Amino acid sequence: MTTVAAWEAALTQMEDELDAHEEQVRLGEVASVPVWEPPAELGPLPAQLGDRVTHLVQRITLLTTFVQYQLAATESDMAHLAQQGQKGSGNKAIAMFLDSSV
């Protein structure tokens, strides 16, 4: 297998894995993402694949940033809920809404 073909196969594998992780995030699923280890026999990145790698890195960065914001928001929500639970308002009312357009 040529260096270009080997790199193309490795990048396709990374893109497929990233597609799966993006879908998991969209569905709200939690999954561990293993560190990607390139095959040892790849050699240097061929210049013609530079744009593809740049796009892949941008996608990974966007997904990472999104997940970090979601984690921070969840931690904030959890802290707020814990604080509300400690106050113990005692109100057991349940909010109900009626859609009058039906």
N, C-alpha and C. Protein backbone atom coordinates (compact mmCIF):
# COMPACT_ATOMS: atom_id res chain seq x y z
N MET A 1 0.86 -1.18 0.00
CA MET A 1 0.00 0.00 0.00
C MET A 1 0.90 1.24 0.00
N THR A 2 0.59 2.18 -0.87
CA THR A 2 1.39 3.40 -0.93
C THR A 2 1.13 4.27 0.30
N THR A 3 2.02 5.22 0.52
CA THR A 3 1.88 6.13 1.65
C THR A 3 0.57 6.90 1.56
N VAL A 4 0.23 7.39 0.37
CA VAL A 4 -1.01 8.15 0.20
C VAL A 4 -2.22 7.26 0.50
N ALA A 5 -2.23 6.05 -0.02
CA ALA A 5 -3.35 5.14 0.22
C ALA A 5 -3.47 4.79 1.70
N ALA A 6 -2.34 4.57 2.36
CA ALA A 6 -2.36 4.25 3.79
C ALA A 6 -2.91 5.42 4.59
N TRP A 7 -2.48 6.64 4.26
CA TRP A 7 -2.99 7.82 4.95
C TRP A 7 -4.47 8.03 4.67
N GLU A 8 -4.88 7.80 3.43
CA GLU A 8 -6.31 7.94 3.08
C GLU A 8 -7.15 6.96 3.88
N ALA A 9 -6.68 5.74 4.02
CA ALA A 9 -7.42 4.74 4.81
C ALA A 9 -7.49 5.14 6.28
N ALA A 10 -6.38 5.63 6.82
CA ALA A 10 -6.35 6.06 8.23
C ALA A 10 -7.28 7.26 8.45
N LEU A 11 -7.26 8.21 7.53
CA LEU A 11 -8.13 9.38 7.65
C LEU A 11 -9.60 9.01 7.51
N THR A 12 -9.90 8.09 6.61
CA THR A 12 -11.27 7.63 6.46
C THR A 12 -11.75 6.97 7.75
N GLN A 13 -10.89 6.19 8.37
CA GLN A 13 -11.25 5.55 9.64
C GLN A 13 -11.52 6.62 10.71
N MET A 14 -10.66 7.63 10.78
CA MET A 14 -10.86 8.72 11.74
C MET A 14 -12.16 9.47 11.47
N GLU A 15 -12.45 9.74 10.21
CA GLU A 15 -13.68 10.45 9.85
C GLU A 15 -14.91 9.63 10.21
N ASP A 16 -14.85 8.33 9.98
CA ASP A 16 -15.96 7.45 10.34
C ASP A 16 -16.18 7.43 11.85
N GLU A 17 -15.10 7.37 12.61
CA GLU A 17 -15.21 7.38 14.07
C GLU A 17 -15.76 8.72 14.55
N LEU A 18 -15.32 9.82 13.93
CA LEU A 18 -15.81 11.13 14.31
C LEU A 18 -17.30 11.27 13.98
N ASP A 19 -17.71 10.75 12.82
CA ASP A 19 -19.14 10.75 12.47
C ASP A 19 -19.95 10.05 13.56
N ALA A 20 -19.46 8.90 14.02
CA ALA A 20 -20.16 8.14 15.05
C ALA A 20 -20.21 8.92 16.37
N HIS A 21 -19.12 9.58 16.75
CA HIS A 21 -19.10 10.35 17.99
C HIS A 21 -20.02 11.56 17.89
N GLU A 22 -20.06 12.21 16.75
CA GLU A 22 -20.96 13.35 16.57
C GLU A 22 -22.41 12.89 16.70
N GLU A 23 -22.72 11.75 16.13
CA GLU A 23 -24.09 11.21 16.23
C GLU A 23 -24.43 10.88 17.69
N GLN A 24 -23.49 10.31 18.43
CA GLN A 24 -23.72 10.01 19.84
C GLN A 24 -24.01 11.28 20.62
N VAL A 25 -23.28 12.34 20.34
CA VAL A 25 -23.50 13.61 21.03
C VAL A 25 -24.88 14.16 20.67
N ARG A 26 -25.26 14.08 19.39
CA ARG A 26 -26.58 14.55 18.97
C ARG A 26 -27.69 13.79 19.69
N LEU A 27 -27.47 12.51 19.94
CA LEU A 27 -28.48 11.67 20.59
C LEU A 27 -28.40 11.74 22.11
N GLY A 28 -27.42 12.47 22.62
CA GLY A 28 -27.27 12.59 24.07
C GLY A 28 -26.66 11.37 24.72
N GLU A 29 -25.99 10.55 23.94
CA GLU A 29 -25.36 9.35 24.47
C GLU A 29 -23.96 9.70 25.00
N VAL A 30 -23.58 8.99 26.03
CA VAL A 30 -22.25 9.21 26.61
C VAL A 30 -21.37 8.03 26.20
N ALA A 31 -20.23 8.35 25.66
CA ALA A 31 -19.31 7.29 25.25
C ALA A 31 -17.87 7.78 25.40
N SER A 32 -17.03 6.89 25.82
CA SER A 32 -15.62 7.21 25.94
C SER A 32 -14.99 7.21 24.55
N VAL A 33 -14.12 8.15 24.32
CA VAL A 33 -13.45 8.25 23.02
C VAL A 33 -11.98 7.90 23.22
N PRO A 34 -11.56 6.78 22.66
CA PRO A 34 -10.15 6.41 22.82
C PRO A 34 -9.24 7.34 22.02
N VAL A 35 -8.03 7.49 22.50
CA VAL A 35 -7.04 8.30 21.79
C VAL A 35 -6.70 7.59 20.48
N TRP A 36 -6.65 8.35 19.41
CA TRP A 36 -6.33 7.76 18.11
C TRP A 36 -4.82 7.62 17.99
N GLU A 37 -4.42 6.43 17.71
CA GLU A 37 -3.00 6.14 17.50
C GLU A 37 -2.80 5.80 16.03
N PRO A 38 -2.03 6.60 15.30
CA PRO A 38 -1.82 6.30 13.88
C PRO A 38 -0.99 5.04 13.72
N PRO A 39 -1.29 4.29 12.69
CA PRO A 39 -0.45 3.12 12.42
C PRO A 39 1.00 3.55 12.24
N ALA A 40 1.91 2.75 12.75
CA ALA A 40 3.34 3.09 12.73
C ALA A 40 3.90 3.21 11.32
N GLU A 41 3.35 2.48 10.38
CA GLU A 41 3.92 2.44 9.04
C GLU A 41 3.41 3.54 8.11
N LEU A 42 2.72 4.55 8.64
CA LEU A 42 2.16 5.59 7.78
C LEU A 42 3.22 6.45 7.11
N GLY A 43 4.24 6.80 7.83
CA GLY A 43 5.22 7.72 7.26
C GLY A 43 4.70 9.14 7.32
N PRO A 44 5.39 10.08 6.69
CA PRO A 44 4.97 11.48 6.73
C PRO A 44 3.67 11.70 5.96
N LEU A 45 2.92 12.70 6.41
CA LEU A 45 1.65 13.04 5.76
C LEU A 45 1.92 13.60 4.36
N PRO A 46 1.29 13.03 3.34
CA PRO A 46 1.44 13.58 1.99
C PRO A 46 0.80 14.97 1.91
N ALA A 47 1.46 15.89 1.25
CA ALA A 47 1.00 17.28 1.17
C ALA A 47 -0.41 17.39 0.60
N GLN A 48 -0.76 16.53 -0.34
CA GLN A 48 -2.08 16.64 -0.97
C GLN A 48 -3.23 16.30 -0.02
N LEU A 49 -2.92 15.74 1.15
CA LEU A 49 -3.95 15.42 2.14
C LEU A 49 -4.04 16.47 3.24
N GLY A 50 -3.27 17.52 3.13
CA GLY A 50 -3.23 18.56 4.15
C GLY A 50 -4.59 19.20 4.43
N ASP A 51 -5.33 19.54 3.37
CA ASP A 51 -6.64 20.17 3.56
C ASP A 51 -7.62 19.22 4.26
N ARG A 52 -7.56 17.96 3.92
CA ARG A 52 -8.43 16.96 4.54
C ARG A 52 -8.14 16.85 6.04
N VAL A 53 -6.86 16.85 6.39
CA VAL A 53 -6.46 16.77 7.79
C VAL A 53 -6.89 18.04 8.53
N THR A 54 -6.70 19.19 7.90
CA THR A 54 -7.11 20.46 8.52
C THR A 54 -8.60 20.46 8.81
N HIS A 55 -9.40 20.00 7.86
CA HIS A 55 -10.85 19.93 8.06
C HIS A 55 -11.19 18.96 9.19
N LEU A 56 -10.52 17.85 9.24
CA LEU A 56 -10.75 16.86 10.30
C LEU A 56 -10.41 17.44 11.67
N VAL A 57 -9.30 18.13 11.77
CA VAL A 57 -8.90 18.76 13.04
C VAL A 57 -9.92 19.82 13.45
N GLN A 58 -10.45 20.58 12.50
CA GLN A 58 -11.47 21.59 12.80
C GLN A 58 -12.73 20.93 13.35
N ARG A 59 -13.15 19.84 12.74
CA ARG A 59 -14.33 19.11 13.22
C ARG A 59 -14.11 18.59 14.63
N ILE A 60 -12.94 18.04 14.88
CA ILE A 60 -12.63 17.51 16.22
C ILE A 60 -12.65 18.64 17.25
N THR A 61 -12.07 19.78 16.88
CA THR A 61 -12.04 20.94 17.78
C THR A 61 -13.45 21.43 18.08
N LEU A 62 -14.30 21.52 17.07
CA LEU A 62 -15.68 21.96 17.28
C LEU A 62 -16.44 20.99 18.19
N LEU A 63 -16.28 19.71 17.97
CA LEU A 63 -16.97 18.72 18.79
C LEU A 63 -16.46 18.78 20.23
N THR A 64 -15.16 18.91 20.40
CA THR A 64 -14.58 19.00 21.73
C THR A 64 -15.11 20.23 22.47
N THR A 65 -15.14 21.36 21.79
CA THR A 65 -15.63 22.61 22.40
C THR A 65 -17.10 22.46 22.78
N PHE A 66 -17.91 21.89 21.90
CA PHE A 66 -19.33 21.70 22.18
C PHE A 66 -19.52 20.82 23.41
N VAL A 67 -18.80 19.72 23.48
CA VAL A 67 -18.93 18.80 24.62
C VAL A 67 -18.48 19.50 25.91
N GLN A 68 -17.41 20.28 25.84
CA GLN A 68 -16.94 21.00 27.03
C GLN A 68 -18.00 21.98 27.52
N TYR A 69 -18.65 22.71 26.61
CA TYR A 69 -19.72 23.62 27.00
C TYR A 69 -20.91 22.86 27.59
N GLN A 70 -21.24 21.73 26.99
CA GLN A 70 -22.35 20.93 27.52
C GLN A 70 -22.03 20.43 28.92
N LEU A 71 -20.81 20.00 29.16
CA LEU A 71 -20.41 19.55 30.49
C LEU A 71 -20.49 20.68 31.51
N ALA A 72 -20.02 21.86 31.12
CA ALA A 72 -20.08 23.02 32.03
C ALA A 72 -21.53 23.38 32.33
N ALA A 73 -22.39 23.36 31.32
CA ALA A 73 -23.80 23.67 31.54
C ALA A 73 -24.46 22.64 32.44
N THR A 74 -24.13 21.37 32.25
CA THR A 74 -24.69 20.31 33.09
C THR A 74 -24.23 20.46 34.53
N GLU A 75 -22.96 20.75 34.72
CA GLU A 75 -22.44 20.96 36.08
C GLU A 75 -23.15 22.14 36.74
N SER A 76 -23.38 23.20 35.99
CA SER A 76 -24.08 24.37 36.52
C SER A 76 -25.52 24.00 36.89
N ASP A 77 -26.18 23.26 36.01
CA ASP A 77 -27.56 22.83 36.30
C ASP A 77 -27.62 21.95 37.54
N MET A 78 -26.67 21.05 37.65
CA MET A 78 -26.63 20.15 38.81
C MET A 78 -26.40 20.93 40.10
N ALA A 79 -25.51 21.91 40.06
CA ALA A 79 -25.25 22.74 41.23
C ALA A 79 -26.50 23.52 41.61
N HIS A 80 -27.20 24.05 40.62
CA HIS A 80 -28.43 24.79 40.87
C HIS A 80 -29.49 23.88 41.49
N LEU A 81 -29.65 22.68 40.94
CA LEU A 81 -30.63 21.74 41.50
C LEU A 81 -30.29 21.36 42.94
N ALA A 82 -29.01 21.14 43.19
CA ALA A 82 -28.59 20.80 44.54
C ALA A 82 -28.89 21.95 45.49
N GLN A 83 -28.65 23.17 45.04
CA GLN A 83 -28.92 24.34 45.87
C GLN A 83 -30.42 24.47 46.12
N GLN A 84 -31.23 24.23 45.11
CA GLN A 84 -32.68 24.31 45.27
C GLN A 84 -33.19 23.22 46.21
N GLY A 85 -32.58 22.04 46.12
CA GLY A 85 -32.97 20.94 46.99
C GLY A 85 -32.67 21.23 48.45
N GLN A 86 -31.59 21.96 48.70
CA GLN A 86 -31.22 22.31 50.06
C GLN A 86 -32.18 23.34 50.65
N LYS A 87 -32.75 24.18 49.80
CA LYS A 87 -33.68 25.20 50.29
C LYS A 87 -34.98 24.56 50.75
N GLY A 88 -35.39 23.48 50.07
CA GLY A 88 -36.59 22.76 50.47
C GLY A 88 -37.82 23.64 50.56
N SER A 89 -38.30 24.11 49.42
CA SER A 89 -39.46 25.00 49.40
C SER A 89 -40.72 24.30 49.92
N GLY A 90 -40.76 22.98 49.84
CA GLY A 90 -41.94 22.25 50.30
C GLY A 90 -43.09 22.29 49.31
N ASN A 91 -42.97 23.04 48.26
CA ASN A 91 -44.02 23.15 47.26
C ASN A 91 -43.99 21.91 46.38
N LYS A 92 -45.06 21.17 46.38
CA LYS A 92 -45.13 19.93 45.58
C LYS A 92 -46.00 20.13 44.34
N ALA A 93 -46.25 21.39 43.96
CA ALA A 93 -47.10 21.67 42.81
C ALA A 93 -46.44 21.16 41.53
N ILE A 94 -47.27 20.74 40.61
CA ILE A 94 -46.79 20.27 39.32
C ILE A 94 -47.32 21.24 38.26
N ALA A 95 -46.43 21.77 37.43
CA ALA A 95 -46.85 22.71 36.40
C ALA A 95 -47.51 21.94 35.28
N MET A 96 -48.64 22.43 34.83
CA MET A 96 -49.36 21.82 33.70
C MET A 96 -49.70 22.91 32.72
N PHE A 97 -49.68 22.58 31.44
CA PHE A 97 -49.94 23.55 30.40
C PHE A 97 -51.01 23.02 29.47
N LEU A 98 -51.86 23.90 29.03
CA LEU A 98 -52.94 23.52 28.12
C LEU A 98 -52.70 24.23 26.80
N ASP A 99 -52.67 23.45 25.73
CA ASP A 99 -52.50 24.02 24.39
C ASP A 99 -53.88 24.37 23.86
N SER A 100 -54.23 25.63 23.89
CA SER A 100 -55.58 26.04 23.48
C SER A 100 -55.72 26.11 21.97
N SER A 101 -54.66 25.90 21.24
CA SER A 101 -54.76 25.97 19.77
C SER A 101 -55.27 24.66 19.18
N VAL A 102 -55.40 23.64 19.98
CA VAL A 102 -55.84 22.32 19.48
C VAL A 102 -57.33 22.26 19.39
